């Protein structure tokens, strides 16, 4: 290009300007593509790091949950062992046979349950208050029961029968052994 007196003359052929412009556009495009590739590589690396962290978190959670499950199962096993030990310390067959033999004909036991090896609860229906009191008196004479206490009420829903609950304190060994 010659610059003389305000006059500008371009002596380069028009193709060279186009080539220069094409090179410029190519460099810009190449830079943009390189920047996009770098961003994609960084994004992929970031996603890979996030995936690794999530995987480690999941693995840690699984191990923690398994440890907690194992701990819970161990506690349940120990509780069952204690209950078995407590219940095996009593002669349940003897206790139940003794209760059966002491139950008057006018009394029905509808529910019998135990709390450990120290208490037994009887619930049921009877024809009269007197027969329930007799039942409690007979239970108090049992070799397996140290004391029996009574709770009763007449229930209209039960056809006028007496509903009772007897709480029995159990002995470890027979009284008359």
N, C-alpha and C. Protein backbone atom coordinates (compact mmCIF):
# COMPACT_ATOMS: atom_id res chain seq x y z
N UNK A 1 0.83 -1.15 0.00
CA UNK A 1 0.00 0.00 0.00
C UNK A 1 0.90 1.24 0.00
N UNK A 2 0.60 2.13 -0.87
CA UNK A 2 1.38 3.36 -0.99
C UNK A 2 0.49 4.48 -0.51
N UNK A 3 1.10 5.30 0.32
CA UNK A 3 0.33 6.41 0.87
C UNK A 3 1.01 7.69 0.39
N UNK A 4 0.44 8.36 -0.48
CA UNK A 4 1.05 9.58 -0.97
C UNK A 4 0.01 10.65 -1.16
N UNK A 5 0.10 11.69 -0.37
CA UNK A 5 -0.75 12.85 -0.47
C UNK A 5 -2.21 12.55 -0.28
N UNK A 6 -2.50 11.73 0.63
CA UNK A 6 -3.89 11.44 0.95
C UNK A 6 -4.49 10.39 0.05
N UNK A 7 -3.69 9.97 -0.85
CA UNK A 7 -4.17 8.98 -1.77
C UNK A 7 -3.72 7.60 -1.28
N UNK A 8 -4.60 6.68 -1.26
CA UNK A 8 -4.24 5.34 -0.80
C UNK A 8 -4.42 4.37 -1.96
N UNK A 9 -3.34 3.71 -2.25
CA UNK A 9 -3.39 2.75 -3.34
C UNK A 9 -2.96 1.41 -2.74
N UNK A 10 -3.74 0.40 -2.96
CA UNK A 10 -3.45 -0.96 -2.48
C UNK A 10 -2.88 -1.73 -3.65
N UNK A 11 -1.59 -2.09 -3.51
CA UNK A 11 -0.93 -2.79 -4.60
C UNK A 11 -1.07 -4.32 -4.45
N UNK A 12 -1.62 -4.78 -3.36
CA UNK A 12 -1.79 -6.22 -3.15
C UNK A 12 -3.01 -6.68 -3.94
N UNK A 13 -2.90 -7.90 -4.47
CA UNK A 13 -4.07 -8.38 -5.21
C UNK A 13 -5.23 -8.66 -4.25
N UNK A 14 -6.48 -8.53 -4.71
CA UNK A 14 -7.63 -8.73 -3.85
C UNK A 14 -7.67 -10.13 -3.22
N UNK A 15 -7.09 -11.14 -3.85
CA UNK A 15 -7.09 -12.48 -3.29
C UNK A 15 -6.28 -12.54 -2.00
N UNK A 16 -5.20 -11.73 -1.93
CA UNK A 16 -4.37 -11.77 -0.73
C UNK A 16 -5.14 -11.19 0.45
N UNK A 17 -5.99 -10.22 0.25
CA UNK A 17 -6.81 -9.67 1.32
C UNK A 17 -7.81 -10.73 1.78
N UNK A 18 -8.36 -11.43 0.82
CA UNK A 18 -9.31 -12.48 1.17
C UNK A 18 -8.60 -13.60 1.94
N UNK A 19 -7.37 -13.93 1.52
CA UNK A 19 -6.61 -14.97 2.20
C UNK A 19 -6.31 -14.52 3.62
N UNK A 20 -5.89 -13.25 3.75
CA UNK A 20 -5.60 -12.70 5.07
C UNK A 20 -6.86 -12.73 5.94
N UNK A 21 -7.98 -12.35 5.38
CA UNK A 21 -9.26 -12.34 6.11
C UNK A 21 -9.65 -13.77 6.47
N UNK A 22 -9.43 -14.69 5.54
CA UNK A 22 -9.77 -16.10 5.81
C UNK A 22 -8.88 -16.65 6.92
N UNK A 23 -7.56 -16.29 6.88
CA UNK A 23 -6.65 -16.73 7.93
C UNK A 23 -7.09 -16.17 9.28
N UNK A 24 -7.51 -14.90 9.26
CA UNK A 24 -7.97 -14.26 10.50
C UNK A 24 -9.20 -14.98 11.05
N UNK A 25 -10.17 -15.25 10.16
CA UNK A 25 -11.39 -15.96 10.57
C UNK A 25 -11.07 -17.39 11.04
N UNK A 26 -10.10 -18.03 10.34
CA UNK A 26 -9.69 -19.38 10.73
C UNK A 26 -9.08 -19.37 12.12
N UNK A 27 -8.22 -18.39 12.41
CA UNK A 27 -7.60 -18.30 13.73
C UNK A 27 -8.65 -18.03 14.81
N UNK A 28 -9.57 -17.15 14.51
CA UNK A 28 -10.64 -16.86 15.49
C UNK A 28 -11.46 -18.13 15.74
N UNK A 29 -11.83 -18.82 14.66
CA UNK A 29 -12.62 -20.05 14.78
C UNK A 29 -11.83 -21.11 15.55
N UNK A 30 -10.54 -21.25 15.22
CA UNK A 30 -9.71 -22.22 15.91
C UNK A 30 -9.60 -21.90 17.39
N UNK A 31 -9.46 -20.62 17.71
CA UNK A 31 -9.41 -20.21 19.13
C UNK A 31 -10.73 -20.51 19.84
N UNK A 32 -11.84 -20.24 19.17
CA UNK A 32 -13.15 -20.52 19.78
C UNK A 32 -13.30 -22.03 20.01
N UNK A 33 -12.93 -22.83 18.99
CA UNK A 33 -13.03 -24.29 19.12
C UNK A 33 -12.13 -24.78 20.25
N UNK A 34 -10.90 -24.22 20.33
CA UNK A 34 -9.99 -24.61 21.41
C UNK A 34 -10.57 -24.26 22.77
N UNK A 35 -11.17 -23.06 22.86
CA UNK A 35 -11.78 -22.64 24.13
C UNK A 35 -12.94 -23.56 24.49
N UNK A 36 -13.77 -23.92 23.51
CA UNK A 36 -14.90 -24.82 23.76
C UNK A 36 -14.38 -26.19 24.20
N UNK A 37 -13.33 -26.69 23.52
CA UNK A 37 -12.76 -27.98 23.91
C UNK A 37 -12.22 -27.95 25.34
N UNK A 38 -11.53 -26.86 25.68
CA UNK A 38 -11.01 -26.73 27.04
C UNK A 38 -12.16 -26.71 28.05
N UNK A 39 -13.22 -25.94 27.73
CA UNK A 39 -14.39 -25.91 28.62
C UNK A 39 -15.03 -27.28 28.74
N UNK A 40 -15.12 -28.02 27.62
CA UNK A 40 -15.71 -29.36 27.67
C UNK A 40 -14.86 -30.30 28.51
N UNK A 41 -13.53 -30.21 28.36
CA UNK A 41 -12.64 -31.06 29.16
C UNK A 41 -12.77 -30.72 30.64
N UNK A 42 -12.82 -29.43 30.95
CA UNK A 42 -13.00 -29.01 32.36
C UNK A 42 -14.35 -29.47 32.91
N UNK A 43 -15.40 -29.34 32.07
CA UNK A 43 -16.73 -29.76 32.51
C UNK A 43 -16.76 -31.27 32.75
N UNK A 44 -16.14 -32.03 31.82
CA UNK A 44 -16.11 -33.48 31.98
C UNK A 44 -15.32 -33.86 33.24
N UNK A 45 -14.20 -33.16 33.47
CA UNK A 45 -13.42 -33.42 34.69
C UNK A 45 -14.22 -33.08 35.93
N UNK A 46 -14.94 -31.96 35.90
CA UNK A 46 -15.77 -31.57 37.05
C UNK A 46 -16.87 -32.59 37.30
N UNK A 47 -17.53 -33.04 36.22
CA UNK A 47 -18.57 -34.05 36.37
C UNK A 47 -18.00 -35.36 36.90
N UNK A 48 -16.81 -35.71 36.44
CA UNK A 48 -16.15 -36.92 36.93
C UNK A 48 -15.85 -36.81 38.42
N UNK A 49 -15.36 -35.63 38.85
CA UNK A 49 -15.10 -35.43 40.28
C UNK A 49 -16.38 -35.51 41.09
N UNK A 50 -17.46 -34.89 40.57
CA UNK A 50 -18.75 -34.94 41.28
C UNK A 50 -19.25 -36.37 41.38
N UNK A 51 -19.10 -37.14 40.27
CA UNK A 51 -19.55 -38.54 40.27
C UNK A 51 -18.75 -39.34 41.28
N UNK A 52 -17.44 -39.10 41.37
CA UNK A 52 -16.61 -39.81 42.34
C UNK A 52 -17.03 -39.48 43.77
N UNK A 53 -17.29 -38.19 44.03
CA UNK A 53 -17.72 -37.79 45.38
C UNK A 53 -19.05 -38.43 45.73
N UNK A 54 -19.99 -38.43 44.78
CA UNK A 54 -21.31 -39.04 45.03
C UNK A 54 -21.14 -40.54 45.27
N UNK A 55 -20.30 -41.19 44.49
CA UNK A 55 -20.05 -42.62 44.65
C UNK A 55 -19.45 -42.91 46.02
N UNK A 56 -18.49 -42.08 46.45
CA UNK A 56 -17.90 -42.26 47.78
C UNK A 56 -18.95 -42.05 48.86
N UNK A 57 -19.82 -41.05 48.66
CA UNK A 57 -20.88 -40.78 49.63
C UNK A 57 -21.83 -41.96 49.73
N UNK A 58 -22.20 -42.52 48.59
CA UNK A 58 -23.11 -43.67 48.58
C UNK A 58 -22.45 -44.87 49.26
N UNK A 59 -21.18 -45.10 48.95
CA UNK A 59 -20.45 -46.21 49.58
C UNK A 59 -20.39 -46.03 51.09
N UNK A 60 -20.11 -44.80 51.53
CA UNK A 60 -20.05 -44.51 52.96
C UNK A 60 -21.42 -44.73 53.61
N UNK A 61 -22.49 -44.28 52.93
CA UNK A 61 -23.84 -44.46 53.47
C UNK A 61 -24.18 -45.94 53.60
N UNK A 62 -23.83 -46.71 52.57
CA UNK A 62 -24.11 -48.15 52.62
C UNK A 62 -23.39 -48.81 53.79
N UNK A 63 -22.12 -48.45 53.97
CA UNK A 63 -21.36 -49.03 55.06
C UNK A 63 -21.94 -48.61 56.40
N UNK A 64 -22.33 -47.33 56.52
CA UNK A 64 -22.91 -46.84 57.77
C UNK A 64 -24.24 -47.53 58.05
N UNK A 65 -25.08 -47.65 57.00
CA UNK A 65 -26.37 -48.30 57.19
C UNK A 65 -26.18 -49.77 57.56
N UNK A 66 -25.22 -50.43 56.93
CA UNK A 66 -24.96 -51.83 57.26
C UNK A 66 -24.48 -51.94 58.71
N UNK A 67 -23.64 -51.00 59.13
CA UNK A 67 -23.17 -51.01 60.51
C UNK A 67 -24.33 -50.80 61.46
N UNK A 68 -25.23 -49.86 61.12
CA UNK A 68 -26.38 -49.60 61.98
C UNK A 68 -27.30 -50.81 62.00
N UNK A 69 -27.53 -51.42 60.83
CA UNK A 69 -28.38 -52.61 60.77
C UNK A 69 -27.78 -53.73 61.61
N UNK A 70 -26.48 -53.90 61.51
CA UNK A 70 -25.80 -54.93 62.29
C UNK A 70 -25.94 -54.64 63.78
N UNK A 71 -25.78 -53.37 64.15
CA UNK A 71 -25.91 -52.98 65.55
C UNK A 71 -27.33 -53.24 66.04
N UNK A 72 -28.33 -52.87 65.24
CA UNK A 72 -29.73 -53.09 65.63
C UNK A 72 -30.00 -54.57 65.79
N UNK A 73 -29.52 -55.38 64.83
CA UNK A 73 -29.72 -56.83 64.93
C UNK A 73 -29.03 -57.41 66.16
N UNK A 74 -27.85 -56.90 66.47
CA UNK A 74 -27.13 -57.36 67.65
C UNK A 74 -27.92 -57.02 68.91
N UNK A 75 -28.45 -55.80 69.00
CA UNK A 75 -29.27 -55.39 70.15
C UNK A 75 -30.51 -56.28 70.28
N UNK A 76 -31.17 -56.56 69.15
CA UNK A 76 -32.35 -57.42 69.18
C UNK A 76 -31.99 -58.83 69.64
N UNK A 77 -30.87 -59.33 69.15
CA UNK A 77 -30.42 -60.66 69.56
C UNK A 77 -30.15 -60.70 71.06
N UNK A 78 -29.48 -59.67 71.58
CA UNK A 78 -29.20 -59.62 73.02
C UNK A 78 -30.50 -59.55 73.81
N UNK A 79 -31.47 -58.76 73.32
CA UNK A 79 -32.76 -58.65 74.00
C UNK A 79 -33.47 -60.00 74.01
N UNK A 80 -33.47 -60.68 72.88
CA UNK A 80 -34.09 -62.01 72.81
C UNK A 80 -33.40 -63.00 73.73
N UNK A 81 -32.07 -62.94 73.77
CA UNK A 81 -31.33 -63.83 74.67
C UNK A 81 -31.71 -63.58 76.13
N UNK A 82 -31.84 -62.30 76.50
CA UNK A 82 -32.25 -61.97 77.88
C UNK A 82 -33.65 -62.49 78.16
N UNK A 83 -34.57 -62.30 77.20
CA UNK A 83 -35.94 -62.78 77.40
C UNK A 83 -35.98 -64.30 77.51
N UNK A 84 -35.22 -64.97 76.68
CA UNK A 84 -35.17 -66.44 76.75
C UNK A 84 -34.62 -66.88 78.10
N UNK A 85 -33.57 -66.19 78.55
CA UNK A 85 -32.98 -66.53 79.84
C UNK A 85 -34.00 -66.30 80.97
N UNK A 86 -34.71 -65.16 80.89
CA UNK A 86 -35.70 -64.88 81.93
C UNK A 86 -36.83 -65.90 81.91
N UNK A 87 -37.32 -66.19 80.70
CA UNK A 87 -38.45 -67.11 80.61
C UNK A 87 -38.04 -68.55 80.90
N UNK A 88 -36.82 -68.89 80.59
CA UNK A 88 -36.41 -70.27 80.87
C UNK A 88 -36.18 -70.49 82.36
N UNK A 89 -36.09 -69.42 83.13
CA UNK A 89 -35.92 -69.54 84.57
C UNK A 89 -37.20 -69.94 85.27
N UNK A 90 -38.32 -69.93 84.56
CA UNK A 90 -39.62 -70.29 85.16
C UNK A 90 -40.13 -71.58 84.56
N UNK A 91 -40.88 -72.28 85.34
CA UNK A 91 -41.53 -73.51 84.89
C UNK A 91 -42.90 -73.14 84.34
N UNK A 92 -42.92 -72.65 83.09
CA UNK A 92 -44.19 -72.18 82.52
C UNK A 92 -45.22 -73.30 82.41
N UNK A 93 -44.77 -74.47 82.09
CA UNK A 93 -45.73 -75.59 82.00
C UNK A 93 -46.39 -75.81 83.36
N UNK A 94 -45.59 -75.77 84.41
CA UNK A 94 -46.14 -75.94 85.76
C UNK A 94 -47.06 -74.79 86.14
N UNK A 95 -46.66 -73.56 85.82
CA UNK A 95 -47.48 -72.38 86.15
C UNK A 95 -48.82 -72.47 85.44
N UNK A 96 -48.80 -72.74 84.15
CA UNK A 96 -50.05 -72.79 83.38
C UNK A 96 -50.94 -73.94 83.83
N UNK A 97 -50.36 -75.07 84.12
CA UNK A 97 -51.14 -76.21 84.62
C UNK A 97 -51.76 -75.86 85.98
N UNK A 98 -50.99 -75.19 86.84
CA UNK A 98 -51.50 -74.79 88.15
C UNK A 98 -52.67 -73.80 88.00
N UNK A 99 -52.51 -72.82 87.11
CA UNK A 99 -53.60 -71.85 86.87
C UNK A 99 -54.83 -72.57 86.33
N UNK A 100 -54.62 -73.49 85.39
CA UNK A 100 -55.75 -74.25 84.83
C UNK A 100 -56.49 -75.02 85.92
N UNK A 101 -55.73 -75.66 86.81
CA UNK A 101 -56.37 -76.48 87.84
C UNK A 101 -57.09 -75.62 88.89
N UNK A 102 -56.69 -74.37 89.04
CA UNK A 102 -57.30 -73.48 90.03
C UNK A 102 -58.43 -72.62 89.45
N UNK A 103 -58.68 -72.72 88.16
CA UNK A 103 -59.71 -71.90 87.52
C UNK A 103 -61.08 -72.53 87.73
N UNK A 104 -61.98 -71.82 88.42
CA UNK A 104 -63.35 -72.34 88.62
C UNK A 104 -64.08 -72.48 87.28
N UNK A 105 -65.08 -73.34 87.26
CA UNK A 105 -65.85 -73.59 86.03
C UNK A 105 -66.61 -72.37 85.54
N UNK A 106 -66.96 -71.44 86.44
CA UNK A 106 -67.74 -70.27 86.06
C UNK A 106 -66.84 -69.11 85.63
N UNK A 107 -65.54 -69.38 85.45
CA UNK A 107 -64.58 -68.34 85.04
C UNK A 107 -63.97 -68.74 83.71
N UNK A 108 -63.88 -67.78 82.80
CA UNK A 108 -63.21 -68.00 81.52
C UNK A 108 -62.04 -67.03 81.40
N UNK A 109 -60.87 -67.57 81.08
CA UNK A 109 -59.70 -66.72 80.83
C UNK A 109 -59.69 -66.43 79.32
N UNK A 110 -59.74 -65.15 78.97
CA UNK A 110 -59.74 -64.78 77.56
C UNK A 110 -58.38 -64.27 77.09
N UNK A 111 -57.53 -63.87 78.02
CA UNK A 111 -56.21 -63.36 77.66
C UNK A 111 -55.25 -63.62 78.81
N UNK A 112 -54.09 -64.16 78.49
CA UNK A 112 -53.06 -64.40 79.49
C UNK A 112 -51.75 -63.94 78.87
N UNK A 113 -51.07 -63.05 79.55
CA UNK A 113 -49.78 -62.58 79.04
C UNK A 113 -48.85 -62.30 80.21
N UNK A 114 -47.57 -62.23 79.88
CA UNK A 114 -46.55 -62.07 80.91
C UNK A 114 -45.64 -60.91 80.57
N UNK A 115 -45.14 -60.25 81.61
CA UNK A 115 -44.12 -59.22 81.45
C UNK A 115 -42.86 -59.76 82.09
N UNK A 116 -41.98 -60.27 81.23
CA UNK A 116 -40.75 -60.85 81.75
C UNK A 116 -41.06 -62.11 82.55
N UNK A 117 -40.31 -62.31 83.61
CA UNK A 117 -40.53 -63.50 84.42
C UNK A 117 -41.00 -63.12 85.82
N UNK A 118 -41.51 -61.90 85.96
CA UNK A 118 -41.94 -61.46 87.29
C UNK A 118 -43.44 -61.25 87.39
N UNK A 119 -44.11 -61.06 86.26
CA UNK A 119 -45.55 -60.79 86.30
C UNK A 119 -46.30 -61.61 85.26
N UNK A 120 -47.54 -61.92 85.61
CA UNK A 120 -48.44 -62.56 84.67
C UNK A 120 -49.79 -61.88 84.83
N UNK A 121 -50.47 -61.64 83.72
CA UNK A 121 -51.76 -60.96 83.75
C UNK A 121 -52.81 -61.87 83.12
N UNK A 122 -53.90 -61.99 83.83
CA UNK A 122 -55.03 -62.80 83.35
C UNK A 122 -56.21 -61.87 83.13
N UNK A 123 -56.88 -62.01 82.01
CA UNK A 123 -58.10 -61.25 81.75
C UNK A 123 -59.17 -62.25 81.34
N UNK A 124 -60.40 -61.92 81.68
CA UNK A 124 -61.46 -62.83 81.28
C UNK A 124 -62.83 -62.39 81.74
N UNK A 125 -63.76 -63.36 81.70
CA UNK A 125 -65.16 -63.14 82.06
C UNK A 125 -65.57 -64.18 83.10
N UNK A 126 -66.49 -63.75 83.97
CA UNK A 126 -67.00 -64.67 84.99
C UNK A 126 -68.49 -64.40 85.19
N UNK A 127 -69.15 -65.38 85.80
CA UNK A 127 -70.59 -65.23 86.04
C UNK A 127 -70.89 -64.28 87.20
N UNK A 128 -69.94 -64.17 88.17
CA UNK A 128 -70.22 -63.33 89.33
C UNK A 128 -68.92 -62.79 89.93
N UNK A 129 -69.08 -61.77 90.76
CA UNK A 129 -67.93 -61.21 91.48
C UNK A 129 -67.35 -62.26 92.44
N UNK A 130 -68.23 -63.04 93.07
CA UNK A 130 -67.79 -64.00 94.07
C UNK A 130 -66.88 -65.06 93.47
N UNK A 131 -67.21 -65.55 92.29
CA UNK A 131 -66.40 -66.60 91.68
C UNK A 131 -65.03 -66.03 91.27
N UNK A 132 -64.96 -64.75 90.89
CA UNK A 132 -63.67 -64.13 90.56
C UNK A 132 -62.84 -63.99 91.83
N UNK A 133 -63.47 -63.57 92.94
CA UNK A 133 -62.74 -63.46 94.21
C UNK A 133 -62.21 -64.83 94.65
N UNK A 134 -63.00 -65.87 94.45
CA UNK A 134 -62.57 -67.23 94.76
C UNK A 134 -61.35 -67.61 93.90
N UNK A 135 -61.40 -67.26 92.64
CA UNK A 135 -60.29 -67.52 91.72
C UNK A 135 -59.02 -66.84 92.21
N UNK A 136 -59.12 -65.56 92.62
CA UNK A 136 -57.95 -64.81 93.13
C UNK A 136 -57.43 -65.49 94.39
N UNK A 137 -58.34 -65.91 95.27
CA UNK A 137 -57.93 -66.58 96.51
C UNK A 137 -57.18 -67.87 96.19
N UNK A 138 -57.66 -68.62 95.23
CA UNK A 138 -57.00 -69.87 94.85
C UNK A 138 -55.64 -69.59 94.20
N UNK A 139 -55.54 -68.51 93.42
CA UNK A 139 -54.25 -68.16 92.81
C UNK A 139 -53.25 -67.74 93.88
N UNK A 140 -53.71 -67.04 94.92
CA UNK A 140 -52.82 -66.63 96.01
C UNK A 140 -52.28 -67.84 96.78
N UNK A 141 -52.96 -68.98 96.68
CA UNK A 141 -52.49 -70.19 97.34
C UNK A 141 -51.54 -70.99 96.46
N UNK A 142 -51.31 -70.55 95.24
CA UNK A 142 -50.45 -71.27 94.30
C UNK A 142 -48.99 -71.20 94.74
N UNK A 143 -48.25 -72.27 94.45
CA UNK A 143 -46.82 -72.30 94.74
C UNK A 143 -46.02 -71.41 93.78
N UNK A 144 -46.61 -71.08 92.65
CA UNK A 144 -45.91 -70.32 91.62
C UNK A 144 -46.20 -68.81 91.68
N UNK A 145 -47.21 -68.43 92.43
CA UNK A 145 -47.64 -67.02 92.46
C UNK A 145 -47.46 -66.49 93.87
N UNK A 146 -46.68 -65.40 94.00
CA UNK A 146 -46.46 -64.83 95.33
C UNK A 146 -47.65 -63.96 95.74
N UNK A 147 -48.29 -63.28 94.78
CA UNK A 147 -49.50 -62.51 95.10
C UNK A 147 -50.31 -62.28 93.84
N UNK A 148 -51.62 -62.20 94.03
CA UNK A 148 -52.54 -61.92 92.92
C UNK A 148 -53.46 -60.81 93.35
N UNK A 149 -53.60 -59.78 92.50
CA UNK A 149 -54.51 -58.67 92.81
C UNK A 149 -55.55 -58.56 91.71
N UNK A 150 -56.71 -58.06 92.08
CA UNK A 150 -57.88 -58.12 91.20
C UNK A 150 -58.37 -56.74 90.80
N UNK A 151 -58.86 -56.68 89.59
CA UNK A 151 -59.56 -55.52 89.05
C UNK A 151 -60.77 -56.09 88.31
N UNK A 152 -61.99 -55.66 88.62
CA UNK A 152 -63.14 -56.22 87.91
C UNK A 152 -64.26 -55.20 87.79
N UNK A 153 -65.13 -55.46 86.80
CA UNK A 153 -66.31 -54.61 86.58
C UNK A 153 -67.34 -55.42 85.80
N UNK A 154 -68.60 -55.10 86.02
CA UNK A 154 -69.66 -55.77 85.27
C UNK A 154 -69.80 -55.01 83.95
N UNK A 155 -69.83 -55.76 82.87
CA UNK A 155 -69.86 -55.15 81.54
C UNK A 155 -71.15 -55.55 80.84
N UNK A 156 -71.93 -54.53 80.47
CA UNK A 156 -73.19 -54.80 79.80
C UNK A 156 -72.96 -55.40 78.41
N UNK A 157 -71.91 -55.00 77.75
CA UNK A 157 -71.61 -55.53 76.41
C UNK A 157 -71.32 -57.02 76.48
N UNK A 158 -70.87 -57.49 77.62
CA UNK A 158 -70.53 -58.91 77.79
C UNK A 158 -71.73 -59.70 78.31
N UNK A 159 -72.93 -59.23 78.08
CA UNK A 159 -74.13 -59.96 78.51
C UNK A 159 -74.29 -59.96 80.02
N UNK A 160 -73.83 -58.91 80.69
CA UNK A 160 -73.94 -58.82 82.14
C UNK A 160 -72.88 -59.62 82.88
N UNK A 161 -71.93 -60.19 82.16
CA UNK A 161 -70.87 -60.95 82.82
C UNK A 161 -69.89 -59.98 83.48
N UNK A 162 -69.13 -60.50 84.40
CA UNK A 162 -68.12 -59.71 85.09
C UNK A 162 -66.81 -59.83 84.32
N UNK A 163 -66.26 -58.67 83.93
CA UNK A 163 -64.95 -58.67 83.28
C UNK A 163 -63.91 -58.44 84.36
N UNK A 164 -62.83 -59.21 84.31
CA UNK A 164 -61.82 -59.08 85.36
C UNK A 164 -60.42 -59.04 84.75
N UNK A 165 -59.51 -58.48 85.53
CA UNK A 165 -58.08 -58.51 85.24
C UNK A 165 -57.40 -58.88 86.55
N UNK A 166 -56.56 -59.90 86.50
CA UNK A 166 -55.82 -60.32 87.68
C UNK A 166 -54.34 -60.16 87.38
N UNK A 167 -53.66 -59.40 88.22
CA UNK A 167 -52.22 -59.21 88.09
C UNK A 167 -51.54 -60.13 89.09
N UNK A 168 -50.67 -61.01 88.61
CA UNK A 168 -50.00 -61.98 89.47
C UNK A 168 -48.51 -61.70 89.49
N UNK A 169 -47.94 -61.68 90.69
CA UNK A 169 -46.49 -61.61 90.85
C UNK A 169 -46.00 -63.05 90.95
N UNK A 170 -45.09 -63.42 90.06
CA UNK A 170 -44.61 -64.79 89.98
C UNK A 170 -43.41 -65.01 90.89
N UNK A 171 -43.26 -66.23 91.35
CA UNK A 171 -42.08 -66.60 92.15
C UNK A 171 -41.10 -67.34 91.24
N UNK A 172 -39.83 -67.26 91.57
CA UNK A 172 -38.79 -67.94 90.78
C UNK A 172 -38.87 -69.45 90.98
N UNK A 173 -39.20 -69.85 92.18
CA UNK A 173 -39.26 -71.28 92.50
C UNK A 173 -40.57 -71.55 93.21
N UNK A 174 -40.98 -72.78 93.19
CA UNK A 174 -42.20 -73.15 93.89
C UNK A 174 -42.07 -72.84 95.37
N UNK A 175 -43.17 -72.38 95.99
CA UNK A 175 -43.14 -72.03 97.41
C UNK A 175 -42.91 -73.26 98.28
N UNK A 176 -43.55 -74.35 97.94
CA UNK A 176 -43.49 -75.55 98.78
C UNK A 176 -42.49 -76.57 98.25
N UNK A 177 -41.40 -76.14 97.66
CA UNK A 177 -40.41 -77.09 97.13
C UNK A 177 -39.54 -77.62 98.23
